[in-house]
Amino acid sequence: MKNQKGGFTLIELLVVIAIISLLAGQLLPSLSSAREKGRQANCINNLHQIGLAIEMYYQDYNDYPTWLSILYKNYLGTPKIFLCLTDLYKGEKGCGNSLHPSINDIPLSQIPNYTPDDFDSTAYSYRNPNITFCSYSYEFAPTKSEWFMAAHTSGEQQEADINSDGVVTWKEARIWQSNHGYGGQVPIVRCYWHFYNYGQKVINLAFRDYNVYSSGEEWETSSY
């Protein structure tokens, strides 16, 4: 008698393929979640380094940097710190907050749906043109804080207007908020990309103590 060669039948092969597909379907979400946790850890580390750089700048000039980009190269040696790994656009479209385009620390030509007035155009002339990407919002930007001026009385606006030029900037608005109930919880830098892409918390850098904390899209709902 001839020996019969062993092998898989078509049905057996299909069963094996189905089992492998089932296992892969269970493992891939876990792997994706693990990768996102790693990206969040990298982002937290970036914000810690940015916080240290801001404090060194403050010690030198007794003020906060006009833009994050001017911290490069004297205070931050690599532009990679401005990049969140979860940001699919690699920082080239800014922080992704379409409601507030004027807190993007990227060239004006790259900011979607934003036509600045003369005040904001001048404010953007202060940034470092060598930095062409930044995934983070700069909440101390020298641009107009239209949301603050729309939501507060003329007296509150005058109080917030530190240099008395008739315009409340983002920086002035955030400092006013810190002095009126929010304390160190007020963010100076924020990363929205984990929230936009994965429904995770927004990562924030507090300006008083440079603590990194998480929050909802509105930072007032924080776990600081």
C-alpha atoms as a PDB file:
ATOM      1  CA  MET A   1       0.000   0.000   0.000  1.00  0.00           C
ATOM      2  CA  LYS A   2       1.089   3.575  -0.713  1.00  0.00           C
ATOM      3  CA  ASN A   3       1.511   5.880   2.258  1.00  0.00           C
ATOM      4  CA  GLN A   4      -0.987   8.733   2.211  1.00  0.00           C
ATOM      5  CA  LYS A   5       0.541  12.190   2.613  1.00  0.00           C
ATOM      6  CA  GLY A   6      -0.833  14.139   5.567  1.00  0.00           C
ATOM      7  CA  GLY A   7      -2.209  17.652   5.099  1.00  0.00           C
ATOM      8  CA  PHE A   8      -4.977  20.071   5.958  1.00  0.00           C
ATOM      9  CA  THR A   9      -8.298  19.950   4.264  1.00  0.00           C
ATOM     10  CA  LEU A  10      -9.792  23.184   2.935  1.00  0.00           C
ATOM     11  CA  ILE A  11     -12.243  23.308   5.824  1.00  0.00           C
ATOM     12  CA  GLU A  12      -9.440  22.895   8.363  1.00  0.00           C
ATOM     13  CA  LEU A  13      -7.468  25.719   6.750  1.00  0.00           C
ATOM     14  CA  LEU A  14     -10.508  27.988   6.839  1.00  0.00           C
ATOM     15  CA  VAL A  15     -11.029  27.192  10.525  1.00  0.00           C
ATOM     16  CA  VAL A  16      -7.398  28.041  11.324  1.00  0.00           C
ATOM     17  CA  ILE A  17      -7.631  31.299   9.371  1.00  0.00           C
ATOM     18  CA  ALA A  18     -10.854  32.189  11.187  1.00  0.00           C
ATOM     19  CA  ILE A  19      -9.233  31.538  14.593  1.00  0.00           C
ATOM     20  CA  ILE A  20      -6.184  33.647  13.693  1.00  0.00           C
ATOM     21  CA  SER A  21      -8.437  36.479  12.502  1.00  0.00           C
ATOM     22  CA  LEU A  22     -10.444  36.299  15.728  1.00  0.00           C
ATOM     23  CA  LEU A  23      -7.306  36.441  17.879  1.00  0.00           C
ATOM     24  CA  ALA A  24      -5.891  39.307  15.825  1.00  0.00           C
ATOM     25  CA  GLY A  25      -9.162  41.203  16.207  1.00  0.00           C
ATOM     26  CA  GLN A  26      -8.891  40.870  19.974  1.00  0.00           C
ATOM     27  CA  LEU A  27      -5.201  41.805  20.161  1.00  0.00           C
ATOM     28  CA  LEU A  28      -5.101  44.793  17.817  1.00  0.00           C
ATOM     29  CA  PRO A  29      -7.255  47.116  19.979  1.00  0.00           C
ATOM     30  CA  SER A  30      -5.029  46.315  22.970  1.00  0.00           C
ATOM     31  CA  LEU A  31      -1.907  47.040  20.951  1.00  0.00           C
ATOM     32  CA  SER A  32      -3.411  50.286  19.672  1.00  0.00           C
ATOM     33  CA  SER A  33      -4.312  51.321  23.223  1.00  0.00           C
ATOM     34  CA  ALA A  34      -0.796  50.498  24.434  1.00  0.00           C
ATOM     35  CA  ARG A  35       0.736  52.567  21.631  1.00  0.00           C
ATOM     36  CA  GLU A  36      -1.507  55.512  22.509  1.00  0.00           C
ATOM     37  CA  LYS A  37      -0.482  55.258  26.179  1.00  0.00           C
ATOM     38  CA  GLY A  38       3.131  55.443  25.032  1.00  0.00           C
ATOM     39  CA  ARG A  39       2.392  58.502  22.918  1.00  0.00           C
ATOM     40  CA  GLN A  40       0.662  60.145  25.882  1.00  0.00           C
ATOM     41  CA  ALA A  41       3.725  59.483  28.045  1.00  0.00           C
ATOM     42  CA  ASN A  42       5.923  61.076  25.381  1.00  0.00           C
ATOM     43  CA  CYS A  43       3.598  64.094  25.232  1.00  0.00           C
ATOM     44  CA  ILE A  44       3.667  64.483  29.020  1.00  0.00           C
ATOM     45  CA  ASN A  45       7.462  64.416  28.903  1.00  0.00           C
ATOM     46  CA  ASN A  46       7.431  67.095  26.164  1.00  0.00           C
ATOM     47  CA  LEU A  47       5.256  69.359  28.298  1.00  0.00           C
ATOM     48  CA  HIS A  48       7.533  68.851  31.296  1.00  0.00           C
ATOM     49  CA  GLN A  49      10.517  69.941  29.206  1.00  0.00           C
ATOM     50  CA  ILE A  50       8.592  72.908  27.821  1.00  0.00           C
ATOM     51  CA  GLY A  51       7.677  73.896  31.382  1.00  0.00           C
ATOM     52  CA  LEU A  52      11.338  73.848  32.419  1.00  0.00           C
ATOM     53  CA  ALA A  53      12.253  75.942  29.382  1.00  0.00           C
ATOM     54  CA  ILE A  54       9.504  78.479  30.130  1.00  0.00           C
ATOM     55  CA  GLU A  55      10.739  78.806  33.719  1.00  0.00           C
ATOM     56  CA  MET A  56      14.348  79.345  32.563  1.00  0.00           C
ATOM     57  CA  TYR A  57      13.112  82.006  30.143  1.00  0.00           C
ATOM     58  CA  TYR A  58      11.124  83.628  32.950  1.00  0.00           C
ATOM     59  CA  GLN A  59      14.195  83.686  35.180  1.00  0.00           C
ATOM     60  CA  ASP A  60      16.133  85.464  32.430  1.00  0.00           C
ATOM     61  CA  TYR A  61      13.484  87.995  31.344  1.00  0.00           C
ATOM     62  CA  ASN A  62      10.993  88.155  34.233  1.00  0.00           C
ATOM     63  CA  ASP A  63       8.242  87.396  31.739  1.00  0.00           C
ATOM     64  CA  TYR A  64       6.768  84.517  29.794  1.00  0.00           C
ATOM     65  CA  PRO A  65       7.886  83.788  26.220  1.00  0.00           C
ATOM     66  CA  THR A  66       5.895  85.518  23.520  1.00  0.00           C
ATOM     67  CA  TRP A  67       5.570  82.187  21.694  1.00  0.00           C
ATOM     68  CA  LEU A  68       6.778  78.670  22.420  1.00  0.00           C
ATOM     69  CA  SER A  69       8.814  78.733  19.212  1.00  0.00           C
ATOM     70  CA  ILE A  70      11.204  81.380  20.552  1.00  0.00           C
ATOM     71  CA  LEU A  71      12.382  78.872  23.163  1.00  0.00           C
ATOM     72  CA  TYR A  72      14.249  77.109  20.367  1.00  0.00           C
ATOM     73  CA  LYS A  73      17.359  76.898  20.379  1.00  0.00           C
ATOM     74  CA  ASN A  74      18.490  78.673  23.550  1.00  0.00           C
ATOM     75  CA  TYR A  75      16.107  76.827  25.874  1.00  0.00           C
ATOM     76  CA  LEU A  76      14.942  73.815  23.873  1.00  0.00           C
ATOM     77  CA  GLY A  77      17.606  72.123  21.787  1.00  0.00           C
ATOM     78  CA  THR A  78      15.341  70.156  19.453  1.00  0.00           C
ATOM     79  CA  PRO A  79      12.102  71.116  17.681  1.00  0.00           C
ATOM     80  CA  LYS A  80      10.810  67.548  18.163  1.00  0.00           C
ATOM     81  CA  ILE A  81       9.586  68.636  21.604  1.00  0.00           C
ATOM     82  CA  PHE A  82       6.873  70.660  19.836  1.00  0.00           C
ATOM     83  CA  LEU A  83       5.454  67.491  18.243  1.00  0.00           C
ATOM     84  CA  CYS A  84       2.769  65.234  19.737  1.00  0.00           C
ATOM     85  CA  LEU A  85       3.106  61.716  18.306  1.00  0.00           C
ATOM     86  CA  THR A  86      -0.693  61.351  18.226  1.00  0.00           C
ATOM     87  CA  ASP A  87      -0.969  64.355  15.893  1.00  0.00           C
ATOM     88  CA  LEU A  88      -1.540  62.824  12.454  1.00  0.00           C
ATOM     89  CA  TYR A  89      -0.577  66.132  10.788  1.00  0.00           C
ATOM     90  CA  LYS A  90       2.798  66.166  12.582  1.00  0.00           C
ATOM     91  CA  GLY A  91       2.242  69.678  13.891  1.00  0.00           C
ATOM     92  CA  GLU A  92       1.928  71.281  10.467  1.00  0.00           C
ATOM     93  CA  LYS A  93      -1.703  72.293  11.122  1.00  0.00           C
ATOM     94  CA  GLY A  94      -1.103  73.401  14.681  1.00  0.00           C
ATOM     95  CA  CYS A  95      -3.059  72.375  17.750  1.00  0.00           C
ATOM     96  CA  GLY A  96      -6.220  71.430  15.862  1.00  0.00           C
ATOM     97  CA  ASN A  97      -8.490  73.760  17.857  1.00  0.00           C
ATOM     98  CA  SER A  98     -10.569  75.294  15.072  1.00  0.00           C
ATOM     99  CA  LEU A  99     -12.458  77.560  17.505  1.00  0.00           C
ATOM    100  CA  HIS A 100      -9.307  79.441  18.468  1.00  0.00           C
ATOM    101  CA  PRO A 101      -6.869  79.550  15.539  1.00  0.00           C
ATOM    102  CA  SER A 102      -4.845  82.406  17.058  1.00  0.00           C
ATOM    103  CA  ILE A 103      -3.163  80.132  19.629  1.00  0.00           C
ATOM    104  CA  ASN A 104      -1.381  78.099  16.943  1.00  0.00           C
ATOM    105  CA  ASP A 105       2.382  78.575  17.032  1.00  0.00           C
ATOM    106  CA  ILE A 106       2.947  77.867  13.342  1.00  0.00           C
ATOM    107  CA  PRO A 107       3.326  80.160  10.302  1.00  0.00           C
ATOM    108  CA  LEU A 108       0.152  82.064   9.480  1.00  0.00           C
ATOM    109  CA  SER A 109      -0.018  80.512   6.029  1.00  0.00           C
ATOM    110  CA  GLN A 110      -0.453  77.054   7.586  1.00  0.00           C
ATOM    111  CA  ILE A 111      -3.325  77.891   9.962  1.00  0.00           C
ATOM    112  CA  PRO A 112      -6.652  76.687   8.517  1.00  0.00           C
ATOM    113  CA  ASN A 113      -9.520  79.186   8.182  1.00  0.00           C
ATOM    114  CA  TYR A 114      -7.746  82.099   9.836  1.00  0.00           C
ATOM    115  CA  THR A 115      -7.483  85.633   8.485  1.00  0.00           C
ATOM    116  CA  PRO A 116      -5.832  87.722  11.218  1.00  0.00           C
ATOM    117  CA  ASP A 117      -6.385  91.434  11.675  1.00  0.00           C
ATOM    118  CA  ASP A 118      -3.476  93.861  11.974  1.00  0.00           C
ATOM    119  CA  PHE A 119      -3.110  93.263  15.715  1.00  0.00           C
ATOM    120  CA  ASP A 120      -2.766  89.496  15.392  1.00  0.00           C
ATOM    121  CA  SER A 121      -0.600  89.780  12.283  1.00  0.00           C
ATOM    122  CA  THR A 122       1.841  91.885  14.292  1.00  0.00           C
ATOM    123  CA  ALA A 123       1.679  89.361  17.141  1.00  0.00           C
ATOM    124  CA  TYR A 124       2.699  86.574  14.777  1.00  0.00           C
ATOM    125  CA  SER A 125       5.779  88.505  13.707  1.00  0.00           C
ATOM    126  CA  TYR A 126       7.238  87.762  17.151  1.00  0.00           C
ATOM    127  CA  ARG A 127       7.403  83.983  16.710  1.00  0.00           C
ATOM    128  CA  ASN A 128      10.469  82.039  15.574  1.00  0.00           C
ATOM    129  CA  PRO A 129      10.086  81.426  11.805  1.00  0.00           C
ATOM    130  CA  ASN A 130      12.483  78.469  12.006  1.00  0.00           C
ATOM    131  CA  ILE A 131       9.740  76.460  13.712  1.00  0.00           C
ATOM    132  CA  THR A 132       7.158  75.374  11.145  1.00  0.00           C
ATOM    133  CA  PHE A 133       5.241  72.817  13.204  1.00  0.00           C
ATOM    134  CA  CYS A 134       3.782  72.724  16.703  1.00  0.00           C
ATOM    135  CA  SER A 135       1.120  70.318  17.942  1.00  0.00           C
ATOM    136  CA  TYR A 136       0.404  72.331  21.072  1.00  0.00           C
ATOM    137  CA  SER A 137      -1.729  75.374  21.722  1.00  0.00           C
ATOM    138  CA  TYR A 138       0.016  78.293  23.402  1.00  0.00           C
ATOM    139  CA  GLU A 139      -2.489  79.761  25.836  1.00  0.00           C
ATOM    140  CA  PHE A 140      -0.257  82.787  26.567  1.00  0.00           C
ATOM    141  CA  ALA A 141      -0.188  83.908  22.947  1.00  0.00           C
ATOM    142  CA  PRO A 142       0.081  87.680  22.279  1.00  0.00           C
ATOM    143  CA  THR A 143      -3.007  87.539  20.059  1.00  0.00           C
ATOM    144  CA  LYS A 144      -6.419  88.966  20.906  1.00  0.00           C
ATOM    145  CA  SER A 145      -8.584  86.961  23.283  1.00  0.00           C
ATOM    146  CA  GLU A 146     -11.911  87.628  21.609  1.00  0.00           C
ATOM    147  CA  TRP A 147     -13.719  85.075  23.788  1.00  0.00           C
ATOM    148  CA  PHE A 148     -12.645  86.969  26.926  1.00  0.00           C
ATOM    149  CA  MET A 149     -13.675  90.359  25.614  1.00  0.00           C
ATOM    150  CA  ALA A 150     -17.050  88.976  24.543  1.00  0.00           C
ATOM    151  CA  ALA A 151     -17.765  87.316  27.894  1.00  0.00           C
ATOM    152  CA  HIS A 152     -16.545  89.938  30.384  1.00  0.00           C
ATOM    153  CA  THR A 153     -17.578  93.433  31.400  1.00  0.00           C
ATOM    154  CA  SER A 154     -15.652  96.514  30.362  1.00  0.00           C
ATOM    155  CA  GLY A 155     -14.387  96.824  33.945  1.00  0.00           C
ATOM    156  CA  GLU A 156     -13.031  93.272  33.902  1.00  0.00           C
ATOM    157  CA  GLN A 157     -11.428  93.909  30.530  1.00  0.00           C
ATOM    158  CA  GLN A 158      -9.700  97.027  31.823  1.00  0.00           C
ATOM    159  CA  GLU A 159      -8.449  95.070  34.820  1.00  0.00           C
ATOM    160  CA  ALA A 160      -7.137  92.257  32.617  1.00  0.00           C
ATOM    161  CA  ASP A 161      -5.505  94.661  30.128  1.00  0.00           C
ATOM    162  CA  ILE A 162      -2.093  94.756  31.823  1.00  0.00           C
ATOM    163  CA  ASN A 163      -0.411  97.093  29.326  1.00  0.00           C
ATOM    164  CA  SER A 164      -3.522  99.296  28.888  1.00  0.00           C
ATOM    165  CA  ASP A 165      -3.486  99.121  25.098  1.00  0.00           C
ATOM    166  CA  GLY A 166      -7.222  98.494  24.885  1.00  0.00           C
ATOM    167  CA  VAL A 167      -6.838  94.834  23.864  1.00  0.00           C
ATOM    168  CA  VAL A 168      -6.944  91.788  26.127  1.00  0.00           C
ATOM    169  CA  THR A 169      -4.550  89.145  24.829  1.00  0.00           C
ATOM    170  CA  TRP A 170      -4.664  85.431  25.580  1.00  0.00           C
ATOM    171  CA  LYS A 171      -1.837  85.872  28.053  1.00  0.00           C
ATOM    172  CA  GLU A 172      -3.626  88.698  29.859  1.00  0.00           C
ATOM    173  CA  ALA A 173      -6.878  86.711  29.921  1.00  0.00           C
ATOM    174  CA  ARG A 174      -5.230  83.621  31.398  1.00  0.00           C
ATOM    175  CA  ILE A 175      -3.433  85.649  34.078  1.00  0.00           C
ATOM    176  CA  TRP A 176      -6.729  87.354  34.958  1.00  0.00           C
ATOM    177  CA  GLN A 177      -8.383  83.941  35.288  1.00  0.00           C
ATOM    178  CA  SER A 178      -5.587  82.734  37.534  1.00  0.00           C
ATOM    179  CA  ASN A 179      -6.118  85.749  39.797  1.00  0.00           C
ATOM    180  CA  HIS A 180      -9.890  85.238  39.903  1.00  0.00           C
ATOM    181  CA  GLY A 181     -10.561  81.745  41.150  1.00  0.00           C
ATOM    182  CA  TYR A 182      -8.625  79.286  39.010  1.00  0.00           C
ATOM    183  CA  GLY A 183      -5.151  79.700  40.496  1.00  0.00           C
ATOM    184  CA  GLY A 184      -2.485  77.384  39.149  1.00  0.00           C
ATOM    185  CA  GLN A 185      -5.015  75.342  37.208  1.00  0.00           C
ATOM    186  CA  VAL A 186      -4.876  77.811  34.307  1.00  0.00           C
ATOM    187  CA  PRO A 187      -3.003  76.200  31.382  1.00  0.00           C
ATOM    188  CA  ILE A 188      -0.139  77.802  29.513  1.00  0.00           C
ATOM    189  CA  VAL A 189       0.197  74.913  27.012  1.00  0.00           C
ATOM    190  CA  ARG A 190      -2.387  72.315  25.934  1.00  0.00           C
ATOM    191  CA  CYS A 191      -2.426  69.189  23.778  1.00  0.00           C
ATOM    192  CA  TYR A 192      -5.803  68.310  22.263  1.00  0.00           C
ATOM    193  CA  TRP A 193      -4.724  65.489  19.948  1.00  0.00           C
ATOM    194  CA  HIS A 194      -5.334  62.604  22.377  1.00  0.00           C
ATOM    195  CA  PHE A 195      -8.852  63.958  22.852  1.00  0.00           C
ATOM    196  CA  TYR A 196      -9.514  64.451  19.123  1.00  0.00           C
ATOM    197  CA  ASN A 197      -8.113  61.129  17.897  1.00  0.00           C
ATOM    198  CA  TYR A 198      -8.838  58.729  20.751  1.00  0.00           C
ATOM    199  CA  GLY A 199     -11.388  60.412  23.003  1.00  0.00           C
ATOM    200  CA  GLN A 200      -8.824  60.622  25.811  1.00  0.00           C
ATOM    201  CA  LYS A 201      -8.180  63.502  28.193  1.00  0.00           C
ATOM    202  CA  VAL A 202      -6.569  66.757  27.050  1.00  0.00           C
ATOM    203  CA  ILE A 203      -3.065  67.136  28.479  1.00  0.00           C
ATOM    204  CA  ASN A 204      -2.297  70.526  30.026  1.00  0.00           C
ATOM    205  CA  LEU A 205       0.722  72.359  31.410  1.00  0.00           C
ATOM    206  CA  ALA A 206      -0.195  74.665  34.310  1.00  0.00           C
ATOM    207  CA  PHE A 207       1.501  78.042  34.239  1.00  0.00           C
ATOM    208  CA  ARG A 208       1.898  78.593  37.992  1.00  0.00           C
ATOM    209  CA  ASP A 209       3.822  75.455  38.926  1.00  0.00           C
ATOM    210  CA  TYR A 210       4.276  73.783  35.501  1.00  0.00           C
ATOM    211  CA  ASN A 211       2.350  70.762  36.724  1.00  0.00           C
ATOM    212  CA  VAL A 212       1.095  68.509  33.911  1.00  0.00           C
ATOM    213  CA  TYR A 213      -2.543  67.531  34.397  1.00  0.00           C
ATOM    214  CA  SER A 214      -5.415  66.098  32.402  1.00  0.00           C
ATOM    215  CA  SER A 215      -8.830  67.571  31.716  1.00  0.00           C
ATOM    216  CA  GLY A 216     -11.815  67.492  29.442  1.00  0.00           C
ATOM    217  CA  GLU A 217     -11.902  69.669  26.344  1.00  0.00           C
ATOM    218  CA  GLU A 218     -12.703  72.558  28.676  1.00  0.00           C
ATOM    219  CA  TRP A 219      -9.806  72.699  31.130  1.00  0.00           C
ATOM    220  CA  GLU A 220     -12.092  73.922  33.922  1.00  0.00           C
ATOM    221  CA  THR A 221     -13.278  70.286  34.169  1.00  0.00           C
ATOM    222  CA  SER A 222      -9.782  69.161  35.141  1.00  0.00           C
ATOM    223  CA  SER A 223      -8.452  66.567  37.535  1.00  0.00           C
ATOM    224  CA  TYR A 224      -5.711  68.986  38.631  1.00  0.00           C
END
